[in-house]
Amino acid sequence: MNKISYAAIRSAFAIVLGFILILWPEMALHYLVITIGILFILPGIFTIIGYFTREKNEETKDNTMFPLDAAGSILFGTWLLIMPDFFINILMYVLGALLLLGGLQQIVSLVKARQWARVPWGFYVIPSLIFLTGILIVTYPKSSITNAVVVFGVTSVIYGFVELINSYKFRKKKEEIDTVIDISSSDTP
């Protein structure tokens, strides 16, 4: 897979996630925490099943300990299932941090793109707004969780479309530059 494919996957995921968060903010956040809980429980269950169904021989009988990390994973996942609202407050900080990182990543990509193309200042507006939205969500996570989720959803959709546009525009420009033949190194007299 080339870099444009990764950008397209990242963009599609951001757009789909954004629309889900816009359409069903309370439900999406609640089910996201429950899904994370299930994702903690399943590996723990598989590890414990593997522990009890493993082949026992004389060498490993004394050395193998009960997988405490698997039990901890199951307990934490169960806690997430039982008390999702508690973790929604924590999740707001995580979502804000994701916006901070996403906006920063786009700004850095634009700065790098300046090596082979002119990048107008307008291209920096949306990534800067994404970054500022992340700061607002991290600073005021409890003021209105639903509004923050909708804002995160809208910002996620915008991020996805801007990522697609930027990757297409600058990949095309870079390919044009890479296909230019350097005539200074030819054998002309």
N, C-alpha and C. Protein backbone atom coordinates (compact mmCIF):
# COMPACT_ATOMS: atom_id res chain seq x y z
N MET A 1 0.84 -1.19 0.00
CA MET A 1 0.00 0.00 0.00
C MET A 1 0.88 1.24 0.00
N ASN A 2 0.54 2.20 -0.84
CA ASN A 2 1.33 3.41 -0.83
C ASN A 2 0.73 4.42 0.13
N LYS A 3 1.40 5.57 0.24
CA LYS A 3 0.98 6.56 1.24
C LYS A 3 -0.42 7.10 0.99
N ILE A 4 -0.81 7.23 -0.26
CA ILE A 4 -2.15 7.76 -0.54
C ILE A 4 -3.21 6.81 -0.03
N SER A 5 -2.96 5.52 -0.05
CA SER A 5 -3.92 4.56 0.47
C SER A 5 -4.10 4.73 1.96
N TYR A 6 -3.02 4.95 2.69
CA TYR A 6 -3.14 5.18 4.12
C TYR A 6 -3.92 6.46 4.40
N ALA A 7 -3.68 7.48 3.61
CA ALA A 7 -4.41 8.74 3.79
C ALA A 7 -5.89 8.53 3.50
N ALA A 8 -6.21 7.74 2.48
CA ALA A 8 -7.61 7.48 2.15
C ALA A 8 -8.30 6.68 3.26
N ILE A 9 -7.61 5.70 3.81
CA ILE A 9 -8.18 4.91 4.91
C ILE A 9 -8.39 5.79 6.13
N ARG A 10 -7.39 6.61 6.45
CA ARG A 10 -7.51 7.53 7.59
C ARG A 10 -8.67 8.48 7.38
N SER A 11 -8.80 9.00 6.18
CA SER A 11 -9.87 9.94 5.86
C SER A 11 -11.24 9.29 5.96
N ALA A 12 -11.38 8.10 5.38
CA ALA A 12 -12.68 7.40 5.42
C ALA A 12 -13.09 7.10 6.85
N PHE A 13 -12.14 6.64 7.66
CA PHE A 13 -12.45 6.34 9.06
C PHE A 13 -12.90 7.61 9.79
N ALA A 14 -12.20 8.71 9.56
CA ALA A 14 -12.54 9.97 10.23
C ALA A 14 -13.91 10.47 9.80
N ILE A 15 -14.24 10.34 8.51
CA ILE A 15 -15.53 10.81 8.01
C ILE A 15 -16.67 9.96 8.59
N VAL A 16 -16.52 8.64 8.56
CA VAL A 16 -17.57 7.76 9.10
C VAL A 16 -17.75 8.00 10.59
N LEU A 17 -16.66 8.06 11.33
CA LEU A 17 -16.73 8.33 12.77
C LEU A 17 -17.41 9.67 13.03
N GLY A 18 -17.06 10.67 12.25
CA GLY A 18 -17.65 12.00 12.42
C GLY A 18 -19.15 12.00 12.22
N PHE A 19 -19.62 11.33 11.16
CA PHE A 19 -21.07 11.28 10.92
C PHE A 19 -21.80 10.52 12.03
N ILE A 20 -21.22 9.45 12.52
CA ILE A 20 -21.84 8.71 13.62
C ILE A 20 -21.94 9.59 14.86
N LEU A 21 -20.87 10.33 15.17
CA LEU A 21 -20.88 11.20 16.34
C LEU A 21 -21.85 12.37 16.19
N ILE A 22 -22.03 12.85 14.97
CA ILE A 22 -22.97 13.96 14.74
C ILE A 22 -24.42 13.47 14.87
N LEU A 23 -24.71 12.32 14.30
CA LEU A 23 -26.09 11.83 14.28
C LEU A 23 -26.56 11.29 15.63
N TRP A 24 -25.69 10.60 16.35
CA TRP A 24 -26.08 9.98 17.62
C TRP A 24 -25.02 10.24 18.69
N PRO A 25 -24.86 11.48 19.16
CA PRO A 25 -23.75 11.79 20.07
C PRO A 25 -23.80 11.04 21.40
N GLU A 26 -24.96 11.02 22.06
CA GLU A 26 -25.02 10.36 23.37
C GLU A 26 -24.83 8.86 23.23
N MET A 27 -25.55 8.28 22.28
CA MET A 27 -25.48 6.83 22.07
C MET A 27 -24.08 6.41 21.61
N ALA A 28 -23.49 7.19 20.71
CA ALA A 28 -22.19 6.82 20.17
C ALA A 28 -21.14 6.77 21.26
N LEU A 29 -21.14 7.76 22.13
CA LEU A 29 -20.15 7.79 23.20
C LEU A 29 -20.38 6.66 24.20
N HIS A 30 -21.63 6.43 24.53
CA HIS A 30 -21.97 5.36 25.47
C HIS A 30 -21.53 4.00 24.91
N TYR A 31 -21.86 3.74 23.65
CA TYR A 31 -21.51 2.46 23.04
C TYR A 31 -20.02 2.34 22.75
N LEU A 32 -19.36 3.45 22.54
CA LEU A 32 -17.91 3.41 22.35
C LEU A 32 -17.22 2.91 23.61
N VAL A 33 -17.66 3.40 24.76
CA VAL A 33 -17.07 2.94 26.03
C VAL A 33 -17.40 1.46 26.26
N ILE A 34 -18.62 1.05 25.95
CA ILE A 34 -18.99 -0.36 26.11
C ILE A 34 -18.16 -1.24 25.17
N THR A 35 -17.95 -0.79 23.94
CA THR A 35 -17.13 -1.54 22.99
C THR A 35 -15.69 -1.67 23.48
N ILE A 36 -15.15 -0.60 24.04
CA ILE A 36 -13.80 -0.67 24.60
C ILE A 36 -13.76 -1.68 25.74
N GLY A 37 -14.82 -1.72 26.56
CA GLY A 37 -14.90 -2.70 27.64
C GLY A 37 -14.88 -4.12 27.10
N ILE A 38 -15.65 -4.37 26.06
CA ILE A 38 -15.68 -5.71 25.45
C ILE A 38 -14.31 -6.06 24.89
N LEU A 39 -13.64 -5.07 24.29
CA LEU A 39 -12.31 -5.32 23.73
C LEU A 39 -11.26 -5.60 24.81
N PHE A 40 -11.52 -5.20 26.03
CA PHE A 40 -10.65 -5.59 27.14
C PHE A 40 -11.00 -6.98 27.65
N ILE A 41 -12.28 -7.32 27.67
CA ILE A 41 -12.72 -8.60 28.22
C ILE A 41 -12.30 -9.77 27.33
N LEU A 42 -12.49 -9.66 26.03
CA LEU A 42 -12.25 -10.79 25.13
C LEU A 42 -10.82 -11.34 25.18
N PRO A 43 -9.78 -10.52 25.07
CA PRO A 43 -8.43 -11.10 25.15
C PRO A 43 -8.16 -11.74 26.50
N GLY A 44 -8.72 -11.15 27.56
CA GLY A 44 -8.54 -11.74 28.89
C GLY A 44 -9.16 -13.12 28.98
N ILE A 45 -10.37 -13.26 28.42
CA ILE A 45 -11.04 -14.56 28.43
C ILE A 45 -10.23 -15.58 27.63
N PHE A 46 -9.78 -15.19 26.44
CA PHE A 46 -9.00 -16.12 25.61
C PHE A 46 -7.70 -16.54 26.29
N THR A 47 -7.06 -15.61 26.97
CA THR A 47 -5.82 -15.94 27.67
C THR A 47 -6.07 -16.91 28.81
N ILE A 48 -7.13 -16.70 29.57
CA ILE A 48 -7.43 -17.60 30.69
C ILE A 48 -7.86 -18.97 30.17
N ILE A 49 -8.64 -19.01 29.10
CA ILE A 49 -9.00 -20.30 28.51
C ILE A 49 -7.75 -21.02 28.03
N GLY A 50 -6.85 -20.29 27.40
CA GLY A 50 -5.58 -20.87 26.96
C GLY A 50 -4.75 -21.39 28.13
N TYR A 51 -4.81 -20.70 29.25
CA TYR A 51 -4.06 -21.13 30.44
C TYR A 51 -4.59 -22.47 30.94
N PHE A 52 -5.91 -22.62 31.01
CA PHE A 52 -6.48 -23.85 31.55
C PHE A 52 -6.48 -25.01 30.56
N THR A 53 -6.41 -24.72 29.27
CA THR A 53 -6.43 -25.81 28.28
C THR A 53 -5.05 -26.15 27.73
N ARG A 54 -4.02 -25.54 28.23
CA ARG A 54 -2.67 -25.80 27.72
C ARG A 54 -2.23 -27.20 28.13
N GLU A 55 -1.24 -27.69 27.39
CA GLU A 55 -0.67 -28.99 27.73
C GLU A 55 0.20 -28.83 28.96
N LYS A 56 0.00 -29.70 29.90
CA LYS A 56 0.80 -29.63 31.12
C LYS A 56 1.85 -30.72 31.08
N ASN A 57 3.09 -30.33 31.33
CA ASN A 57 4.15 -31.32 31.43
C ASN A 57 4.97 -31.02 32.67
N GLU A 58 5.90 -31.86 32.96
CA GLU A 58 6.68 -31.74 34.19
C GLU A 58 7.49 -30.44 34.25
N GLU A 59 8.03 -29.99 33.11
CA GLU A 59 8.89 -28.81 33.11
C GLU A 59 8.12 -27.52 33.38
N THR A 60 6.94 -27.38 32.81
CA THR A 60 6.20 -26.12 32.94
C THR A 60 5.20 -26.11 34.08
N LYS A 61 5.01 -27.23 34.76
CA LYS A 61 4.00 -27.29 35.81
C LYS A 61 4.29 -26.31 36.93
N ASP A 62 5.52 -26.20 37.35
CA ASP A 62 5.87 -25.33 38.46
C ASP A 62 6.15 -23.89 38.03
N ASN A 63 6.54 -23.69 36.79
CA ASN A 63 6.98 -22.36 36.33
C ASN A 63 5.85 -21.47 35.82
N THR A 64 4.72 -22.03 35.43
CA THR A 64 3.66 -21.25 34.83
C THR A 64 2.76 -20.65 35.90
N MET A 65 2.66 -19.33 35.88
CA MET A 65 1.80 -18.64 36.83
C MET A 65 0.46 -18.32 36.18
N PHE A 66 -0.54 -18.11 37.01
CA PHE A 66 -1.85 -17.71 36.52
C PHE A 66 -1.73 -16.34 35.85
N PRO A 67 -2.35 -16.15 34.68
CA PRO A 67 -2.23 -14.87 33.96
C PRO A 67 -3.01 -13.74 34.64
N LEU A 68 -2.34 -13.07 35.56
CA LEU A 68 -2.99 -11.98 36.30
C LEU A 68 -3.36 -10.81 35.39
N ASP A 69 -2.56 -10.57 34.36
CA ASP A 69 -2.90 -9.48 33.45
C ASP A 69 -4.21 -9.76 32.71
N ALA A 70 -4.48 -11.01 32.40
CA ALA A 70 -5.74 -11.37 31.76
C ALA A 70 -6.92 -11.15 32.71
N ALA A 71 -6.73 -11.52 33.96
CA ALA A 71 -7.79 -11.30 34.96
C ALA A 71 -8.03 -9.80 35.14
N GLY A 72 -6.95 -9.02 35.17
CA GLY A 72 -7.07 -7.56 35.27
C GLY A 72 -7.78 -6.97 34.07
N SER A 73 -7.49 -7.51 32.89
CA SER A 73 -8.15 -7.05 31.67
C SER A 73 -9.65 -7.33 31.73
N ILE A 74 -10.01 -8.49 32.22
CA ILE A 74 -11.44 -8.84 32.35
C ILE A 74 -12.12 -7.93 33.37
N LEU A 75 -11.46 -7.70 34.49
CA LEU A 75 -12.05 -6.83 35.52
C LEU A 75 -12.22 -5.39 35.02
N PHE A 76 -11.20 -4.88 34.33
CA PHE A 76 -11.29 -3.51 33.81
C PHE A 76 -12.38 -3.41 32.75
N GLY A 77 -12.46 -4.40 31.85
CA GLY A 77 -13.51 -4.41 30.84
C GLY A 77 -14.90 -4.47 31.45
N THR A 78 -15.04 -5.26 32.52
CA THR A 78 -16.32 -5.34 33.22
C THR A 78 -16.67 -4.00 33.85
N TRP A 79 -15.67 -3.33 34.42
CA TRP A 79 -15.88 -2.01 35.01
C TRP A 79 -16.36 -1.02 33.94
N LEU A 80 -15.76 -1.09 32.75
CA LEU A 80 -16.20 -0.22 31.66
C LEU A 80 -17.65 -0.52 31.27
N LEU A 81 -18.03 -1.80 31.27
CA LEU A 81 -19.40 -2.17 30.93
C LEU A 81 -20.40 -1.70 31.98
N ILE A 82 -20.00 -1.78 33.25
CA ILE A 82 -20.91 -1.43 34.35
C ILE A 82 -21.03 0.08 34.52
N MET A 83 -19.92 0.81 34.38
CA MET A 83 -19.91 2.26 34.63
C MET A 83 -19.42 3.05 33.41
N PRO A 84 -20.11 2.99 32.28
CA PRO A 84 -19.62 3.70 31.10
C PRO A 84 -19.61 5.22 31.25
N ASP A 85 -20.56 5.76 32.02
CA ASP A 85 -20.63 7.22 32.17
C ASP A 85 -19.39 7.80 32.85
N PHE A 86 -18.82 7.06 33.79
CA PHE A 86 -17.60 7.50 34.46
C PHE A 86 -16.47 7.65 33.44
N PHE A 87 -16.38 6.69 32.54
CA PHE A 87 -15.29 6.71 31.57
C PHE A 87 -15.54 7.66 30.41
N ILE A 88 -16.79 8.07 30.22
CA ILE A 88 -17.07 9.05 29.17
C ILE A 88 -16.37 10.37 29.50
N ASN A 89 -16.35 10.73 30.78
CA ASN A 89 -15.64 11.95 31.18
C ASN A 89 -14.15 11.85 30.84
N ILE A 90 -13.56 10.69 31.07
CA ILE A 90 -12.15 10.48 30.74
C ILE A 90 -11.97 10.48 29.22
N LEU A 91 -12.94 9.89 28.53
CA LEU A 91 -12.85 9.79 27.08
C LEU A 91 -12.82 11.16 26.40
N MET A 92 -13.45 12.14 27.01
CA MET A 92 -13.44 13.48 26.42
C MET A 92 -12.01 14.02 26.33
N TYR A 93 -11.20 13.74 27.34
CA TYR A 93 -9.80 14.16 27.28
C TYR A 93 -9.08 13.44 26.14
N VAL A 94 -9.37 12.16 25.97
CA VAL A 94 -8.73 11.39 24.90
C VAL A 94 -9.15 11.93 23.53
N LEU A 95 -10.44 12.21 23.34
CA LEU A 95 -10.90 12.75 22.06
C LEU A 95 -10.29 14.12 21.78
N GLY A 96 -10.19 14.96 22.80
CA GLY A 96 -9.53 16.26 22.63
C GLY A 96 -8.08 16.11 22.23
N ALA A 97 -7.40 15.15 22.87
CA ALA A 97 -6.00 14.90 22.54
C ALA A 97 -5.86 14.41 21.10
N LEU A 98 -6.80 13.58 20.64
CA LEU A 98 -6.77 13.12 19.25
C LEU A 98 -6.89 14.29 18.28
N LEU A 99 -7.77 15.24 18.59
CA LEU A 99 -7.89 16.42 17.73
C LEU A 99 -6.61 17.25 17.75
N LEU A 100 -6.02 17.39 18.92
CA LEU A 100 -4.75 18.12 19.00
C LEU A 100 -3.71 17.46 18.11
N LEU A 101 -3.58 16.15 18.22
CA LEU A 101 -2.59 15.43 17.42
C LEU A 101 -2.93 15.46 15.93
N GLY A 102 -4.23 15.32 15.59
CA GLY A 102 -4.63 15.36 14.18
C GLY A 102 -4.35 16.71 13.54
N GLY A 103 -4.70 17.79 14.23
CA GLY A 103 -4.43 19.12 13.71
C GLY A 103 -2.94 19.37 13.57
N LEU A 104 -2.18 18.96 14.57
CA LEU A 104 -0.73 19.13 14.53
C LEU A 104 -0.12 18.32 13.39
N GLN A 105 -0.62 17.09 13.19
CA GLN A 105 -0.10 16.25 12.11
C GLN A 105 -0.35 16.89 10.75
N GLN A 106 -1.53 17.48 10.56
CA GLN A 106 -1.81 18.13 9.28
C GLN A 106 -0.94 19.37 9.08
N ILE A 107 -0.70 20.13 10.13
CA ILE A 107 0.16 21.30 10.02
C ILE A 107 1.58 20.88 9.65
N VAL A 108 2.09 19.84 10.31
CA VAL A 108 3.43 19.34 10.01
C VAL A 108 3.50 18.83 8.57
N SER A 109 2.45 18.13 8.11
CA SER A 109 2.43 17.64 6.73
C SER A 109 2.46 18.80 5.74
N LEU A 110 1.75 19.87 6.04
CA LEU A 110 1.76 21.04 5.15
C LEU A 110 3.13 21.71 5.14
N VAL A 111 3.76 21.78 6.29
CA VAL A 111 5.11 22.37 6.35
C VAL A 111 6.08 21.52 5.53
N LYS A 112 5.96 20.19 5.62
CA LYS A 112 6.82 19.31 4.83
C LYS A 112 6.53 19.45 3.34
N ALA A 113 5.25 19.66 2.99
CA ALA A 113 4.87 19.79 1.58
C ALA A 113 5.46 21.05 0.96
N ARG A 114 5.84 22.01 1.77
CA ARG A 114 6.45 23.24 1.25
C ARG A 114 7.79 22.98 0.60
N GLN A 115 8.36 21.80 0.82
CA GLN A 115 9.64 21.46 0.19
C GLN A 115 9.49 21.31 -1.33
N TRP A 116 8.33 20.87 -1.80
CA TRP A 116 8.15 20.64 -3.22
C TRP A 116 6.97 21.39 -3.83
N ALA A 117 6.24 22.15 -3.03
CA ALA A 117 5.10 22.88 -3.58
C ALA A 117 4.84 24.13 -2.75
N ARG A 118 4.21 25.10 -3.39
CA ARG A 118 3.79 26.30 -2.67
C ARG A 118 2.51 25.96 -1.92
N VAL A 119 2.49 26.25 -0.63
CA VAL A 119 1.32 25.96 0.21
C VAL A 119 0.72 27.29 0.66
N PRO A 120 -0.43 27.66 0.09
CA PRO A 120 -1.06 28.93 0.49
C PRO A 120 -1.47 28.89 1.97
N TRP A 121 -1.55 30.07 2.58
CA TRP A 121 -1.86 30.14 4.01
C TRP A 121 -3.24 29.59 4.32
N GLY A 122 -4.14 29.61 3.35
CA GLY A 122 -5.49 29.09 3.55
C GLY A 122 -5.52 27.61 3.90
N PHE A 123 -4.51 26.88 3.47
CA PHE A 123 -4.44 25.45 3.79
C PHE A 123 -4.18 25.22 5.28
N TYR A 124 -3.66 26.23 5.96
CA TYR A 124 -3.36 26.09 7.39
C TYR A 124 -4.57 26.42 8.27
N VAL A 125 -5.62 27.00 7.70
CA VAL A 125 -6.77 27.44 8.50
C VAL A 125 -7.48 26.25 9.16
N ILE A 126 -7.87 25.26 8.37
CA ILE A 126 -8.63 24.13 8.91
C ILE A 126 -7.81 23.32 9.92
N PRO A 127 -6.55 22.96 9.61
CA PRO A 127 -5.78 22.24 10.64
C PRO A 127 -5.62 23.05 11.93
N SER A 128 -5.49 24.36 11.80
CA SER A 128 -5.39 25.21 12.99
C SER A 128 -6.69 25.18 13.79
N LEU A 129 -7.83 25.22 13.08
CA LEU A 129 -9.13 25.13 13.77
C LEU A 129 -9.31 23.77 14.44
N ILE A 130 -8.85 22.71 13.79
CA ILE A 130 -8.91 21.37 14.40
C ILE A 130 -8.08 21.36 15.68
N PHE A 131 -6.89 21.93 15.61
CA PHE A 131 -6.01 21.99 16.78
C PHE A 131 -6.66 22.79 17.90
N LEU A 132 -7.25 23.95 17.57
CA LEU A 132 -7.91 24.78 18.58
C LEU A 132 -9.14 24.09 19.18
N THR A 133 -9.87 23.34 18.36
CA THR A 133 -11.01 22.58 18.88
C THR A 133 -10.54 21.54 19.89
N GLY A 134 -9.43 20.90 19.61
CA GLY A 134 -8.85 19.95 20.57
C GLY A 134 -8.51 20.62 21.88
N ILE A 135 -7.95 21.83 21.80
CA ILE A 135 -7.63 22.57 23.03
C ILE A 135 -8.90 22.87 23.82
N LEU A 136 -9.97 23.30 23.13
CA LEU A 136 -11.23 23.60 23.81
C LEU A 136 -11.82 22.36 24.49
N ILE A 137 -11.80 21.23 23.81
CA ILE A 137 -12.37 20.01 24.39
C ILE A 137 -11.55 19.55 25.59
N VAL A 138 -10.23 19.66 25.51
CA VAL A 138 -9.39 19.26 26.64
C VAL A 138 -9.57 20.24 27.80
N THR A 139 -9.75 21.52 27.50
CA THR A 139 -9.89 22.53 28.55
C THR A 139 -11.25 22.48 29.22
N TYR A 140 -12.32 22.27 28.46
CA TYR A 140 -13.69 22.26 29.01
C TYR A 140 -14.42 20.95 28.68
N PRO A 141 -13.96 19.82 29.19
CA PRO A 141 -14.57 18.54 28.79
C PRO A 141 -15.96 18.30 29.37
N LYS A 142 -16.26 18.87 30.52
CA LYS A 142 -17.53 18.56 31.18
C LYS A 142 -18.63 19.58 30.91
N SER A 143 -18.30 20.71 30.29
CA SER A 143 -19.29 21.77 30.11
C SER A 143 -20.50 21.27 29.32
N SER A 144 -20.26 20.58 28.26
CA SER A 144 -21.36 20.00 27.49
C SER A 144 -20.80 18.85 26.67
N ILE A 145 -20.91 17.67 27.23
CA ILE A 145 -20.33 16.50 26.57
C ILE A 145 -20.98 16.27 25.20
N THR A 146 -22.29 16.42 25.12
CA THR A 146 -22.98 16.22 23.84
C THR A 146 -22.49 17.20 22.80
N ASN A 147 -22.39 18.48 23.18
CA ASN A 147 -21.89 19.48 22.23
C ASN A 147 -20.45 19.18 21.83
N ALA A 148 -19.65 18.76 22.79
CA ALA A 148 -18.26 18.44 22.49
C ALA A 148 -18.18 17.26 21.52
N VAL A 149 -19.06 16.28 21.70
CA VAL A 149 -19.06 15.12 20.80
C VAL A 149 -19.49 15.53 19.40
N VAL A 150 -20.51 16.39 19.29
CA VAL A 150 -20.94 16.86 17.98
C VAL A 150 -19.84 17.69 17.33
N VAL A 151 -19.20 18.56 18.11
CA VAL A 151 -18.08 19.35 17.58
C VAL A 151 -16.96 18.43 17.13
N PHE A 152 -16.67 17.40 17.94
CA PHE A 152 -15.64 16.43 17.55
C PHE A 152 -16.05 15.72 16.26
N GLY A 153 -17.33 15.38 16.13
CA GLY A 153 -17.82 14.72 14.92
C GLY A 153 -17.67 15.60 13.69
N VAL A 154 -18.09 16.87 13.81
CA VAL A 154 -17.96 17.81 12.69
C VAL A 154 -16.49 17.99 12.33
N THR A 155 -15.67 18.16 13.34
CA THR A 155 -14.24 18.34 13.11
C THR A 155 -13.63 17.10 12.48
N SER A 156 -14.09 15.94 12.89
CA SER A 156 -13.59 14.69 12.32
C SER A 156 -13.95 14.57 10.84
N VAL A 157 -15.17 14.97 10.48
CA VAL A 157 -15.58 14.95 9.07
C VAL A 157 -14.72 15.93 8.27
N ILE A 158 -14.53 17.13 8.79
CA ILE A 158 -13.71 18.14 8.11
C ILE A 158 -12.28 17.63 7.96
N TYR A 159 -11.75 17.04 9.03
CA TYR A 159 -10.40 16.48 8.99
C TYR A 159 -10.30 15.45 7.87
N GLY A 160 -11.28 14.57 7.77
CA GLY A 160 -11.25 13.53 6.74
C GLY A 160 -11.22 14.10 5.34
N PHE A 161 -12.08 15.09 5.07
CA PHE A 161 -12.11 15.69 3.74
C PHE A 161 -10.83 16.48 3.44
N VAL A 162 -10.35 17.23 4.42
CA VAL A 162 -9.11 18.00 4.22
C VAL A 162 -7.93 17.06 4.00
N GLU A 163 -7.89 15.96 4.72
CA GLU A 163 -6.81 14.97 4.54
C GLU A 163 -6.84 14.40 3.12
N LEU A 164 -8.02 14.09 2.62
CA LEU A 164 -8.14 13.60 1.24
C LEU A 164 -7.66 14.63 0.23
N ILE A 165 -8.11 15.86 0.39
CA ILE A 165 -7.74 16.93 -0.54
C ILE A 165 -6.24 17.18 -0.51
N ASN A 166 -5.70 17.32 0.70
CA ASN A 166 -4.26 17.60 0.82
C ASN A 166 -3.41 16.47 0.26
N SER A 167 -3.76 15.23 0.58
CA SER A 167 -2.94 14.12 0.11
C SER A 167 -3.00 14.01 -1.41
N TYR A 168 -4.17 14.25 -2.00
CA TYR A 168 -4.29 14.19 -3.45
C TYR A 168 -3.50 15.32 -4.10
N LYS A 169 -3.71 16.54 -3.62
CA LYS A 169 -3.07 17.70 -4.23
C LYS A 169 -1.55 17.62 -4.15
N PHE A 170 -1.03 17.32 -2.98
CA PHE A 170 0.41 17.37 -2.81
C PHE A 170 1.10 16.10 -3.31
N ARG A 171 0.40 14.97 -3.34
CA ARG A 171 0.98 13.77 -3.93
C ARG A 171 1.14 13.97 -5.43
N LYS A 172 0.12 14.56 -6.05
CA LYS A 172 0.17 14.82 -7.48
C LYS A 172 1.31 15.78 -7.80
N LYS A 173 1.46 16.83 -7.00
CA LYS A 173 2.53 17.81 -7.22
C LYS A 173 3.90 17.16 -7.04
N LYS A 174 4.04 16.31 -6.03
CA LYS A 174 5.32 15.64 -5.78
C LYS A 174 5.66 14.69 -6.92
N GLU A 175 4.65 13.98 -7.46
CA GLU A 175 4.90 13.09 -8.60
C GLU A 175 5.35 13.87 -9.82
N GLU A 176 4.79 15.07 -10.03
CA GLU A 176 5.21 15.91 -11.15
C GLU A 176 6.67 16.30 -11.00
N ILE A 177 7.07 16.65 -9.80
CA ILE A 177 8.45 17.06 -9.55
C ILE A 177 9.39 15.87 -9.69
N ASP A 178 8.96 14.70 -9.20
CA ASP A 178 9.81 13.51 -9.28
C ASP A 178 10.02 13.04 -10.71
N THR A 179 9.09 13.33 -11.61
CA THR A 179 9.23 12.89 -13.00
C THR A 179 10.09 13.84 -13.83
N VAL A 180 10.41 15.00 -13.31
CA VAL A 180 11.26 15.94 -14.03
C VAL A 180 12.67 15.36 -14.07
N ILE A 181 13.24 15.34 -15.25
CA ILE A 181 14.59 14.79 -15.42
C ILE A 181 15.61 15.88 -15.15
N ASP A 182 16.62 15.54 -14.37
CA ASP A 182 17.69 16.49 -14.04
C ASP A 182 18.67 16.52 -15.21
N ILE A 183 18.66 17.61 -16.01
CA ILE A 183 19.53 17.70 -17.18
C ILE A 183 20.93 18.16 -16.84
N SER A 184 21.17 18.61 -15.63
CA SER A 184 22.50 19.08 -15.27
C SER A 184 23.49 17.93 -15.14
N SER A 185 23.02 16.72 -14.94
CA SER A 185 23.94 15.59 -14.78
C SER A 185 24.12 14.81 -16.08
N SER A 186 23.60 15.31 -17.20
CA SER A 186 23.74 14.59 -18.46
C SER A 186 25.14 14.81 -19.03
N ASP A 187 25.46 14.04 -20.05
CA ASP A 187 26.81 14.08 -20.64
C ASP A 187 26.91 15.07 -21.79
N THR A 188 26.18 16.15 -21.76
CA THR A 188 26.27 17.13 -22.84
C THR A 188 27.51 17.99 -22.65
N PRO A 189 28.16 18.39 -23.76
CA PRO A 189 29.39 19.18 -23.64
C PRO A 189 29.17 20.60 -23.23
